[in-house]
Structures are given as C-alpha cells and as structure tokens.
Amino acid sequence: MARRRRRACIALFLVLLFAFGTLMGLRTLKAPDGLPALGPGPELAPFERRPEGNPAPARAPAAPAAPPPPPPRTIAPRASVGPAEADPAPRQSLRVYSDLHAFYYSWYGSPRREGHYIHWDHVMVPHWDPKISASYPRGRHSPPDDLGSSFYPELGPYSSRDPDVLREHMTQLKEAAIGVLVLSWYPPGMADDNGEPSDDLVPAILDTAHQYNIQVAFHIQPYKGRDDVTVHDNIKYIIDTGPAFHSQQPCGGSQPSVLESDALFWCAGVRASRTL
C-alpha cells in the first residue's frame, strides 16, 4: 500500500514538473525579428489606450453601393462601306506597346451584311469526356441569344466586314495599349468548317490598323495539305499582295511577322525553328 502511494506521489511530481517547465519555456519564447507578434490571421487594427468609461468611437458608415454598370457601347451607323482613311483616328495621343499582342478573328458575319450568321452559329463543341458531354445539348448555336462564344460581345453578333465595327475594335485595342493585332488568316478561298473565306478583308484591316498605329502579324491557321512549300507560298503571297507593309515593322524591318498554328513566332526572311 505504501509503495503505491510512493509511486503516485512520484508520478504527480513529474507531471507538475513537466507543466512548470513547459510554462517557463513558453514565457521565454518571442516572435522572430521582422515578424508580427500576433499569430496568423487577419490584421488587427492598432489598439488605442483609452481611459475607462470612454466608449469606443463609432464605426465609419458603410461605403455606398457601387453604381450600376454603364450601358453597352453602341456604334453610330456610317454610310461608307470601307475604312474611312480621311477620318482621323481618335485618341492618337494614347501609346501602344509592340510587346502586347491580341489575337483577332475576322470570320464573323451577321444577317445585316451577309444575309446570315457566320461563325456565331457554329456547331457546339462537345466535351472530351463522353459521360460529361452526354449531359450537354448538341447541335448548333442559335444566335442572337445563343452565340458560339465564351462571352457575349459588347457589340452584339457583329459582322467583321462592318467598317464601324473594325474601327471600334481598333479603338478598344488602342485604349488597352495593345500594339500588335495577330490576325487569324487562311489562304485565299479557304476557311474553317464553320466559316467563309475572308482574305479579301485583310486590306481593310491593315489600313485601319495603320490609322491607329497598330501593327499586324499573321496567324496562319492549319489547313488541309499545308507543308513547307505551301507555307512559303503563303508568306510570299502576304508580302507581295499586302498593302501598308511599309508601316509594319514588328521584326525590325519591312517584312510582316508571321505566327503559324502550333509553331514558334518568327519573321519572314528570318531563320527560326518551327514545327508543322
């Protein structure tokens, strides 16, 4: 009996000794230099010592609600059908940067100009997982409410051939300081499965971009039969027939820049590695 009491006293003494040592160790700890003494979490406002009995100051009133978003931007109709070279481009004082690029697709059409929708109504792209794809609708998009686009355009389902739309796009690019428009391009008479040939629109794009001091690079899309020879012919065609290249110098010279699908960025006449 006495032996059990002795063991219990020793165990109690060890527990008390461990607790005392832990407490003393915690009191000696301090935050490293450069770190706040408070633990992780939201920062606390600095405490202000106030005499007892003084109430804490009232909290500042909540910020007013954000104003409603502005209405969609509209374009005033114009009588001209091509780029108005006589009209000065707005916001010429804005600076653009040639290291900021934006891909641009000129394959859209609307009933107002083409008589039917082009590319806005393309086939719904199925999910790569058949089980997930089965839960989504199939068929084609149905403009103007259902568009083949991840986002609904501010200008609505427009036509790429509308010169007012083209000028508005250039204005938006310049307001964003984007200095290079990377134009998606197919050779003459070619298009993807959901579009129509649009090579004849390139001169208007080049001329309008030049008015806004925006350079143009060509993104050659993949097409059936494309190889080294056809790509060489494509670049030669762009150089020989493209107007306003005297002002396009993204590669340090007078040659247009070219970006192939699944390829590295390179310049016509400059050696570079690429894959087809």
C-alpha atoms as a PDB file:
ATOM      1  CA  MET A   1       0.000   0.000   0.000  1.00  0.00           C
ATOM      2  CA  ALA A   2       2.786   2.402   0.909  1.00  0.00           C
ATOM      3  CA  ARG A   3       4.591   1.524  -2.315  1.00  0.00           C
ATOM      4  CA  ARG A   4       1.558   2.530  -4.393  1.00  0.00           C
ATOM      5  CA  ARG A   5       1.302   5.852  -2.601  1.00  0.00           C
ATOM      6  CA  ARG A   6       5.001   6.493  -3.228  1.00  0.00           C
ATOM      7  CA  ARG A   7       4.565   5.783  -6.951  1.00  0.00           C
ATOM      8  CA  ALA A   8       1.521   8.045  -7.180  1.00  0.00           C
ATOM      9  CA  CYS A   9       3.410  10.893  -5.482  1.00  0.00           C
ATOM     10  CA  ILE A  10       6.348  10.473  -7.839  1.00  0.00           C
ATOM     11  CA  ALA A  11       4.058  10.492 -10.893  1.00  0.00           C
ATOM     12  CA  LEU A  12       2.239  13.605  -9.647  1.00  0.00           C
ATOM     13  CA  PHE A  13       5.551  15.316  -9.012  1.00  0.00           C
ATOM     14  CA  LEU A  14       6.770  14.528 -12.520  1.00  0.00           C
ATOM     15  CA  VAL A  15       3.536  15.855 -14.075  1.00  0.00           C
ATOM     16  CA  LEU A  16       3.809  19.089 -12.089  1.00  0.00           C
ATOM     17  CA  LEU A  17       7.467  19.417 -13.031  1.00  0.00           C
ATOM     18  CA  PHE A  18       6.688  18.939 -16.739  1.00  0.00           C
ATOM     19  CA  ALA A  19       3.872  21.507 -16.622  1.00  0.00           C
ATOM     20  CA  PHE A  20       6.107  24.025 -14.817  1.00  0.00           C
ATOM     21  CA  GLY A  21       8.930  23.537 -17.334  1.00  0.00           C
ATOM     22  CA  THR A  22       6.562  23.931 -20.284  1.00  0.00           C
ATOM     23  CA  LEU A  23       5.101  27.137 -18.850  1.00  0.00           C
ATOM     24  CA  MET A  24       8.536  28.635 -18.267  1.00  0.00           C
ATOM     25  CA  GLY A  25       9.623  27.678 -21.779  1.00  0.00           C
ATOM     26  CA  LEU A  26       6.602  29.325 -23.359  1.00  0.00           C
ATOM     27  CA  ARG A  27       7.226  32.535 -21.424  1.00  0.00           C
ATOM     28  CA  THR A  28      10.722  32.792 -22.875  1.00  0.00           C
ATOM     29  CA  LEU A  29       9.549  32.453 -26.490  1.00  0.00           C
ATOM     30  CA  LYS A  30       9.216  35.589 -28.646  1.00  0.00           C
ATOM     31  CA  ALA A  31       8.464  36.294 -32.298  1.00  0.00           C
ATOM     32  CA  PRO A  32      11.490  36.374 -34.655  1.00  0.00           C
ATOM     33  CA  ASP A  33      12.711  39.711 -35.874  1.00  0.00           C
ATOM     34  CA  GLY A  34      10.691  41.085 -38.790  1.00  0.00           C
ATOM     35  CA  LEU A  35       7.538  39.095 -37.935  1.00  0.00           C
ATOM     36  CA  PRO A  36       4.488  40.421 -36.096  1.00  0.00           C
ATOM     37  CA  ALA A  37       3.943  39.282 -32.546  1.00  0.00           C
ATOM     38  CA  LEU A  38       0.369  38.305 -33.388  1.00  0.00           C
ATOM     39  CA  GLY A  39      -0.396  34.897 -34.789  1.00  0.00           C
ATOM     40  CA  PRO A  40      -1.603  34.251 -38.356  1.00  0.00           C
ATOM     41  CA  GLY A  41      -4.945  35.674 -39.302  1.00  0.00           C
ATOM     42  CA  PRO A  42      -6.483  38.969 -40.333  1.00  0.00           C
ATOM     43  CA  GLU A  43      -4.515  42.008 -39.309  1.00  0.00           C
ATOM     44  CA  LEU A  44      -5.858  43.766 -36.225  1.00  0.00           C
ATOM     45  CA  ALA A  45      -6.280  47.481 -36.085  1.00  0.00           C
ATOM     46  CA  PRO A  46      -3.824  49.167 -33.702  1.00  0.00           C
ATOM     47  CA  PHE A  47      -5.152  49.376 -30.183  1.00  0.00           C
ATOM     48  CA  GLU A  48      -5.519  52.785 -28.649  1.00  0.00           C
ATOM     49  CA  ARG A  49      -5.348  53.079 -24.885  1.00  0.00           C
ATOM     50  CA  ARG A  50      -8.445  54.906 -23.628  1.00  0.00           C
ATOM     51  CA  PRO A  51      -9.485  55.842 -20.092  1.00  0.00           C
ATOM     52  CA  GLU A  52     -12.034  53.584 -18.530  1.00  0.00           C
ATOM     53  CA  GLY A  53     -15.621  54.612 -19.102  1.00  0.00           C
ATOM     54  CA  ASN A  54     -14.963  56.270 -22.511  1.00  0.00           C
ATOM     55  CA  PRO A  55     -16.940  54.435 -25.178  1.00  0.00           C
ATOM     56  CA  ALA A  56     -15.183  53.252 -28.309  1.00  0.00           C
ATOM     57  CA  PRO A  57     -15.594  55.549 -31.320  1.00  0.00           C
ATOM     58  CA  ALA A  58     -18.419  54.682 -33.681  1.00  0.00           C
ATOM     59  CA  ARG A  59     -17.501  52.759 -36.804  1.00  0.00           C
ATOM     60  CA  ALA A  60     -17.384  54.609 -40.107  1.00  0.00           C
ATOM     61  CA  PRO A  61     -20.529  54.272 -42.215  1.00  0.00           C
ATOM     62  CA  ALA A  62     -20.502  51.610 -44.896  1.00  0.00           C
ATOM     63  CA  ALA A  63     -19.372  52.639 -48.352  1.00  0.00           C
ATOM     64  CA  PRO A  64     -22.193  53.448 -50.765  1.00  0.00           C
ATOM     65  CA  ALA A  65     -23.246  50.763 -53.196  1.00  0.00           C
ATOM     66  CA  ALA A  66     -21.383  50.619 -56.499  1.00  0.00           C
ATOM     67  CA  PRO A  67     -23.109  52.432 -59.344  1.00  0.00           C
ATOM     68  CA  PRO A  68     -24.812  50.290 -61.993  1.00  0.00           C
ATOM     69  CA  PRO A  69     -22.659  49.268 -64.973  1.00  0.00           C
ATOM     70  CA  PRO A  70     -22.695  51.596 -67.969  1.00  0.00           C
ATOM     71  CA  PRO A  71     -24.950  50.688 -70.909  1.00  0.00           C
ATOM     72  CA  PRO A  72     -23.420  48.697 -73.779  1.00  0.00           C
ATOM     73  CA  ARG A  73     -21.363  50.697 -76.231  1.00  0.00           C
ATOM     74  CA  THR A  74     -23.137  51.444 -79.472  1.00  0.00           C
ATOM     75  CA  ILE A  75     -21.785  52.410 -82.853  1.00  0.00           C
ATOM     76  CA  ALA A  76     -23.286  55.183 -84.901  1.00  0.00           C
ATOM     77  CA  PRO A  77     -24.105  53.900 -88.411  1.00  0.00           C
ATOM     78  CA  ARG A  78     -21.952  55.238 -91.203  1.00  0.00           C
ATOM     79  CA  ALA A  79     -22.687  55.414 -94.920  1.00  0.00           C
ATOM     80  CA  SER A  80     -19.235  54.263 -96.020  1.00  0.00           C
ATOM     81  CA  VAL A  81     -18.511  50.585 -96.669  1.00  0.00           C
ATOM     82  CA  GLY A  82     -14.729  50.661 -96.390  1.00  0.00           C
ATOM     83  CA  PRO A  83     -12.143  52.096 -93.992  1.00  0.00           C
ATOM     84  CA  ALA A  84     -12.527  55.873 -93.894  1.00  0.00           C
ATOM     85  CA  GLU A  85      -8.980  56.988 -94.473  1.00  0.00           C
ATOM     86  CA  ALA A  86      -9.954  60.664 -94.343  1.00  0.00           C
ATOM     87  CA  ASP A  87     -11.299  60.374 -90.794  1.00  0.00           C
ATOM     88  CA  PRO A  88      -8.593  60.857 -88.177  1.00  0.00           C
ATOM     89  CA  ALA A  89      -8.309  58.012 -85.688  1.00  0.00           C
ATOM     90  CA  PRO A  90      -9.438  59.052 -82.201  1.00  0.00           C
ATOM     91  CA  ARG A  91      -7.132  59.101 -79.169  1.00  0.00           C
ATOM     92  CA  GLN A  92      -3.970  59.347 -81.247  1.00  0.00           C
ATOM     93  CA  SER A  93      -2.127  60.507 -78.138  1.00  0.00           C
ATOM     94  CA  LEU A  94      -2.563  57.098 -76.490  1.00  0.00           C
ATOM     95  CA  ARG A  95       0.577  54.987 -76.558  1.00  0.00           C
ATOM     96  CA  VAL A  96       0.623  51.361 -77.670  1.00  0.00           C
ATOM     97  CA  TYR A  97       3.268  48.732 -76.977  1.00  0.00           C
ATOM     98  CA  SER A  98       4.531  46.241 -79.530  1.00  0.00           C
ATOM     99  CA  ASP A  99       5.081  43.584 -76.853  1.00  0.00           C
ATOM    100  CA  LEU A 100       1.337  43.464 -76.147  1.00  0.00           C
ATOM    101  CA  HIS A 101      -0.423  41.209 -78.683  1.00  0.00           C
ATOM    102  CA  ALA A 102      -4.077  40.295 -79.141  1.00  0.00           C
ATOM    103  CA  PHE A 103      -5.402  37.549 -81.415  1.00  0.00           C
ATOM    104  CA  TYR A 104      -8.043  38.771 -83.838  1.00  0.00           C
ATOM    105  CA  TYR A 105     -10.557  36.711 -85.827  1.00  0.00           C
ATOM    106  CA  SER A 106     -12.267  38.280 -88.834  1.00  0.00           C
ATOM    107  CA  TRP A 107     -14.534  35.374 -89.732  1.00  0.00           C
ATOM    108  CA  TYR A 108     -17.825  36.625 -88.212  1.00  0.00           C
ATOM    109  CA  GLY A 109     -20.906  37.543 -90.198  1.00  0.00           C
ATOM    110  CA  SER A 110     -24.429  38.805 -89.473  1.00  0.00           C
ATOM    111  CA  PRO A 111     -27.726  38.848 -91.388  1.00  0.00           C
ATOM    112  CA  ARG A 112     -27.483  42.629 -91.707  1.00  0.00           C
ATOM    113  CA  ARG A 113     -24.463  42.425 -94.048  1.00  0.00           C
ATOM    114  CA  GLU A 114     -24.021  38.812 -95.146  1.00  0.00           C
ATOM    115  CA  GLY A 115     -27.671  37.747 -95.026  1.00  0.00           C
ATOM    116  CA  HIS A 116     -26.958  35.060 -92.402  1.00  0.00           C
ATOM    117  CA  TYR A 117     -24.841  34.404 -89.334  1.00  0.00           C
ATOM    118  CA  ILE A 118     -21.277  33.208 -89.850  1.00  0.00           C
ATOM    119  CA  HIS A 119     -19.376  31.512 -87.048  1.00  0.00           C
ATOM    120  CA  TRP A 120     -21.755  32.797 -84.383  1.00  0.00           C
ATOM    121  CA  ASP A 121     -23.870  29.706 -85.075  1.00  0.00           C
ATOM    122  CA  HIS A 122     -21.154  27.095 -85.328  1.00  0.00           C
ATOM    123  CA  VAL A 123     -21.536  23.549 -84.032  1.00  0.00           C
ATOM    124  CA  MET A 124     -21.419  23.149 -80.262  1.00  0.00           C
ATOM    125  CA  VAL A 125     -18.035  21.788 -79.288  1.00  0.00           C
ATOM    126  CA  PRO A 126     -18.536  18.573 -77.277  1.00  0.00           C
ATOM    127  CA  HIS A 127     -16.718  17.864 -74.037  1.00  0.00           C
ATOM    128  CA  TRP A 128     -13.807  15.444 -74.366  1.00  0.00           C
ATOM    129  CA  ASP A 129     -15.333  13.168 -71.718  1.00  0.00           C
ATOM    130  CA  PRO A 130     -18.295  11.315 -73.310  1.00  0.00           C
ATOM    131  CA  LYS A 131     -20.034  10.985 -69.926  1.00  0.00           C
ATOM    132  CA  ILE A 132     -19.914  14.743 -69.331  1.00  0.00           C
ATOM    133  CA  SER A 133     -20.725  15.535 -72.947  1.00  0.00           C
ATOM    134  CA  ALA A 134     -23.934  13.488 -72.727  1.00  0.00           C
ATOM    135  CA  SER A 135     -25.361  15.972 -70.192  1.00  0.00           C
ATOM    136  CA  TYR A 136     -24.960  18.966 -72.527  1.00  0.00           C
ATOM    137  CA  PRO A 137     -27.089  19.918 -75.555  1.00  0.00           C
ATOM    138  CA  ARG A 138     -25.894  19.139 -79.043  1.00  0.00           C
ATOM    139  CA  GLY A 139     -26.335  20.743 -82.414  1.00  0.00           C
ATOM    140  CA  ARG A 140     -25.596  24.331 -83.423  1.00  0.00           C
ATOM    141  CA  HIS A 141     -25.736  27.590 -81.529  1.00  0.00           C
ATOM    142  CA  SER A 142     -28.785  29.749 -82.230  1.00  0.00           C
ATOM    143  CA  PRO A 143     -27.990  33.492 -82.495  1.00  0.00           C
ATOM    144  CA  PRO A 144     -28.616  36.151 -81.430  1.00  0.00           C
ATOM    145  CA  ASP A 145     -29.259  34.888 -77.888  1.00  0.00           C
ATOM    146  CA  ASP A 146     -27.106  31.756 -78.058  1.00  0.00           C
ATOM    147  CA  LEU A 147     -23.721  32.511 -79.633  1.00  0.00           C
ATOM    148  CA  GLY A 148     -20.738  30.317 -80.356  1.00  0.00           C
ATOM    149  CA  SER A 149     -18.613  32.389 -77.986  1.00  0.00           C
ATOM    150  CA  SER A 150     -17.379  32.081 -74.422  1.00  0.00           C
ATOM    151  CA  PHE A 151     -18.502  35.661 -73.767  1.00  0.00           C
ATOM    152  CA  TYR A 152     -21.274  37.741 -75.284  1.00  0.00           C
ATOM    153  CA  PRO A 153     -19.655  40.526 -77.352  1.00  0.00           C
ATOM    154  CA  GLU A 154     -20.274  44.105 -76.283  1.00  0.00           C
ATOM    155  CA  LEU A 155     -21.233  44.980 -79.860  1.00  0.00           C
ATOM    156  CA  GLY A 156     -23.567  42.011 -80.254  1.00  0.00           C
ATOM    157  CA  PRO A 157     -23.206  39.380 -83.015  1.00  0.00           C
ATOM    158  CA  TYR A 158     -21.474  41.753 -85.410  1.00  0.00           C
ATOM    159  CA  SER A 159     -20.100  41.369 -88.915  1.00  0.00           C
ATOM    160  CA  SER A 160     -16.332  41.529 -89.323  1.00  0.00           C
ATOM    161  CA  ARG A 161     -16.896  43.362 -92.606  1.00  0.00           C
ATOM    162  CA  ASP A 162     -18.636  46.280 -90.933  1.00  0.00           C
ATOM    163  CA  PRO A 163     -16.129  49.193 -91.090  1.00  0.00           C
ATOM    164  CA  ASP A 164     -17.649  50.771 -87.990  1.00  0.00           C
ATOM    165  CA  VAL A 165     -17.058  47.558 -86.053  1.00  0.00           C
ATOM    166  CA  LEU A 166     -13.497  47.433 -87.339  1.00  0.00           C
ATOM    167  CA  ARG A 167     -12.821  50.997 -86.197  1.00  0.00           C
ATOM    168  CA  GLU A 168     -14.405  50.297 -82.826  1.00  0.00           C
ATOM    169  CA  HIS A 169     -12.198  47.232 -82.339  1.00  0.00           C
ATOM    170  CA  MET A 170      -9.096  49.271 -83.147  1.00  0.00           C
ATOM    171  CA  THR A 171     -10.194  51.913 -80.656  1.00  0.00           C
ATOM    172  CA  GLN A 172     -10.573  49.271 -77.952  1.00  0.00           C
ATOM    173  CA  LEU A 173      -7.154  47.827 -78.756  1.00  0.00           C
ATOM    174  CA  LYS A 174      -5.525  51.229 -78.518  1.00  0.00           C
ATOM    175  CA  GLU A 175      -7.300  52.065 -75.264  1.00  0.00           C
ATOM    176  CA  ALA A 176      -5.776  48.834 -73.888  1.00  0.00           C
ATOM    177  CA  ALA A 177      -2.288  49.888 -75.156  1.00  0.00           C
ATOM    178  CA  ILE A 178      -2.146  46.782 -77.403  1.00  0.00           C
ATOM    179  CA  GLY A 179       0.267  47.459 -80.250  1.00  0.00           C
ATOM    180  CA  VAL A 180       0.087  44.244 -82.309  1.00  0.00           C
ATOM    181  CA  LEU A 181      -3.008  42.616 -83.774  1.00  0.00           C
ATOM    182  CA  VAL A 182      -2.379  38.919 -84.529  1.00  0.00           C
ATOM    183  CA  LEU A 183      -4.752  38.246 -87.422  1.00  0.00           C
ATOM    184  CA  SER A 184      -6.083  34.725 -87.886  1.00  0.00           C
ATOM    185  CA  TRP A 185      -5.612  34.029 -91.588  1.00  0.00           C
ATOM    186  CA  TYR A 186      -6.459  31.395 -94.183  1.00  0.00           C
ATOM    187  CA  PRO A 187      -5.124  31.439 -97.758  1.00  0.00           C
ATOM    188  CA  PRO A 188      -7.467  32.810-100.441  1.00  0.00           C
ATOM    189  CA  GLY A 189     -10.530  30.647-100.992  1.00  0.00           C
ATOM    190  CA  MET A 190     -10.000  28.699 -97.741  1.00  0.00           C
ATOM    191  CA  ALA A 191     -11.798  28.772 -94.406  1.00  0.00           C
ATOM    192  CA  ASP A 192     -12.543  26.527 -91.462  1.00  0.00           C
ATOM    193  CA  ASP A 193     -15.585  24.229 -91.342  1.00  0.00           C
ATOM    194  CA  ASN A 194     -17.817  26.936 -89.841  1.00  0.00           C
ATOM    195  CA  GLY A 195     -16.716  29.998 -91.770  1.00  0.00           C
ATOM    196  CA  GLU A 196     -16.272  31.528 -95.201  1.00  0.00           C
ATOM    197  CA  PRO A 197     -13.155  32.882 -96.953  1.00  0.00           C
ATOM    198  CA  SER A 198     -12.165  36.284 -95.546  1.00  0.00           C
ATOM    199  CA  ASP A 199      -8.802  37.013 -97.167  1.00  0.00           C
ATOM    200  CA  ASP A 200     -10.365  39.904 -99.089  1.00  0.00           C
ATOM    201  CA  LEU A 201     -10.931  41.682 -95.762  1.00  0.00           C
ATOM    202  CA  VAL A 202      -7.196  41.858 -94.981  1.00  0.00           C
ATOM    203  CA  PRO A 203      -6.545  45.178 -96.822  1.00  0.00           C
ATOM    204  CA  ALA A 204      -9.238  46.954 -94.798  1.00  0.00           C
ATOM    205  CA  ILE A 205      -7.814  45.548 -91.557  1.00  0.00           C
ATOM    206  CA  LEU A 206      -4.277  46.634 -92.471  1.00  0.00           C
ATOM    207  CA  ASP A 207      -5.338  50.134 -93.479  1.00  0.00           C
ATOM    208  CA  THR A 208      -7.495  50.678 -90.394  1.00  0.00           C
ATOM    209  CA  ALA A 209      -4.848  49.305 -88.030  1.00  0.00           C
ATOM    210  CA  HIS A 210      -2.311  51.665 -89.607  1.00  0.00           C
ATOM    211  CA  GLN A 211      -4.560  54.633 -88.794  1.00  0.00           C
ATOM    212  CA  TYR A 212      -4.426  53.633 -85.117  1.00  0.00           C
ATOM    213  CA  ASN A 213      -0.672  52.947 -85.145  1.00  0.00           C
ATOM    214  CA  ILE A 214      -1.323  49.228 -84.549  1.00  0.00           C
ATOM    215  CA  GLN A 215       0.924  46.640 -86.188  1.00  0.00           C
ATOM    216  CA  VAL A 216      -0.429  43.453 -87.774  1.00  0.00           C
ATOM    217  CA  ALA A 217       1.002  39.946 -87.560  1.00  0.00           C
ATOM    218  CA  PHE A 218      -0.424  36.967 -89.436  1.00  0.00           C
ATOM    219  CA  HIS A 219      -1.504  33.775 -87.687  1.00  0.00           C
ATOM    220  CA  ILE A 220      -1.602  31.121 -90.425  1.00  0.00           C
ATOM    221  CA  GLN A 221      -4.289  28.645 -89.424  1.00  0.00           C
ATOM    222  CA  PRO A 222      -3.898  24.922 -90.153  1.00  0.00           C
ATOM    223  CA  TYR A 223      -5.464  23.735 -93.379  1.00  0.00           C
ATOM    224  CA  LYS A 224      -5.521  20.543 -95.416  1.00  0.00           C
ATOM    225  CA  GLY A 225      -2.319  19.972 -97.369  1.00  0.00           C
ATOM    226  CA  ARG A 226      -0.237  22.539 -95.510  1.00  0.00           C
ATOM    227  CA  ASP A 227       3.504  21.870 -95.670  1.00  0.00           C
ATOM    228  CA  ASP A 228       6.786  23.765 -96.006  1.00  0.00           C
ATOM    229  CA  VAL A 229       6.146  24.634 -99.643  1.00  0.00           C
ATOM    230  CA  THR A 230       2.610  25.944 -99.120  1.00  0.00           C
ATOM    231  CA  VAL A 231       3.644  27.975 -96.074  1.00  0.00           C
ATOM    232  CA  HIS A 232       6.452  29.539 -98.123  1.00  0.00           C
ATOM    233  CA  ASP A 233       3.919  30.407-100.825  1.00  0.00           C
ATOM    234  CA  ASN A 234       1.550  31.838 -98.211  1.00  0.00           C
ATOM    235  CA  ILE A 235       4.200  34.145 -96.783  1.00  0.00           C
ATOM    236  CA  LYS A 236       5.238  35.257-100.265  1.00  0.00           C
ATOM    237  CA  TYR A 237       1.605  35.998-101.091  1.00  0.00           C
ATOM    238  CA  ILE A 238       1.215  38.064 -97.918  1.00  0.00           C
ATOM    239  CA  ILE A 239       4.335  40.074 -98.706  1.00  0.00           C
ATOM    240  CA  ASP A 240       3.531  40.590-102.393  1.00  0.00           C
ATOM    241  CA  THR A 241      -0.156  41.495-102.059  1.00  0.00           C
ATOM    242  CA  GLY A 242      -0.412  43.030 -98.599  1.00  0.00           C
ATOM    243  CA  PRO A 243      -0.643  46.853 -98.605  1.00  0.00           C
ATOM    244  CA  ALA A 244       0.708  49.189 -95.937  1.00  0.00           C
ATOM    245  CA  PHE A 245       3.567  46.884 -95.001  1.00  0.00           C
ATOM    246  CA  HIS A 246       5.871  49.886 -95.137  1.00  0.00           C
ATOM    247  CA  SER A 247       4.496  50.822 -91.724  1.00  0.00           C
ATOM    248  CA  GLN A 248       4.568  47.324 -90.249  1.00  0.00           C
ATOM    249  CA  GLN A 249       7.955  46.745 -88.635  1.00  0.00           C
ATOM    250  CA  PRO A 250       7.454  44.345 -85.702  1.00  0.00           C
ATOM    251  CA  CYS A 251      10.601  42.418 -86.703  1.00  0.00           C
ATOM    252  CA  GLY A 252      12.906  45.388 -87.112  1.00  0.00           C
ATOM    253  CA  GLY A 253      12.373  45.592 -90.868  1.00  0.00           C
ATOM    254  CA  SER A 254       9.739  45.961 -93.535  1.00  0.00           C
ATOM    255  CA  GLN A 255       8.663  42.308 -93.622  1.00  0.00           C
ATOM    256  CA  PRO A 256       5.441  41.208 -91.921  1.00  0.00           C
ATOM    257  CA  SER A 257       5.607  38.963 -88.889  1.00  0.00           C
ATOM    258  CA  VAL A 258       4.060  35.505 -89.170  1.00  0.00           C
ATOM    259  CA  LEU A 259       2.761  33.165 -86.494  1.00  0.00           C
ATOM    260  CA  GLU A 260       1.905  29.647 -87.558  1.00  0.00           C
ATOM    261  CA  SER A 261      -0.517  27.492 -85.665  1.00  0.00           C
ATOM    262  CA  ASP A 262       1.473  25.048 -83.461  1.00  0.00           C
ATOM    263  CA  ALA A 263       4.673  26.901 -84.327  1.00  0.00           C
ATOM    264  CA  LEU A 264       7.089  29.392 -82.867  1.00  0.00           C
ATOM    265  CA  PHE A 265       6.842  33.108 -83.539  1.00  0.00           C
ATOM    266  CA  TRP A 266       9.100  34.077 -86.382  1.00  0.00           C
ATOM    267  CA  CYS A 267       9.553  36.723 -89.058  1.00  0.00           C
ATOM    268  CA  ALA A 268       9.514  36.338 -92.810  1.00  0.00           C
ATOM    269  CA  GLY A 269      13.081  36.251 -94.089  1.00  0.00           C
ATOM    270  CA  VAL A 270      14.496  35.466 -90.618  1.00  0.00           C
ATOM    271  CA  ARG A 271      15.668  31.981 -89.797  1.00  0.00           C
ATOM    272  CA  ALA A 272      13.771  30.280 -86.975  1.00  0.00           C
ATOM    273  CA  SER A 273      12.752  26.811 -85.838  1.00  0.00           C
ATOM    274  CA  ARG A 274       9.173  25.750 -86.394  1.00  0.00           C
ATOM    275  CA  THR A 275       7.030  22.630 -86.492  1.00  0.00           C
ATOM    276  CA  LEU A 276       4.195  21.830 -88.867  1.00  0.00           C
END
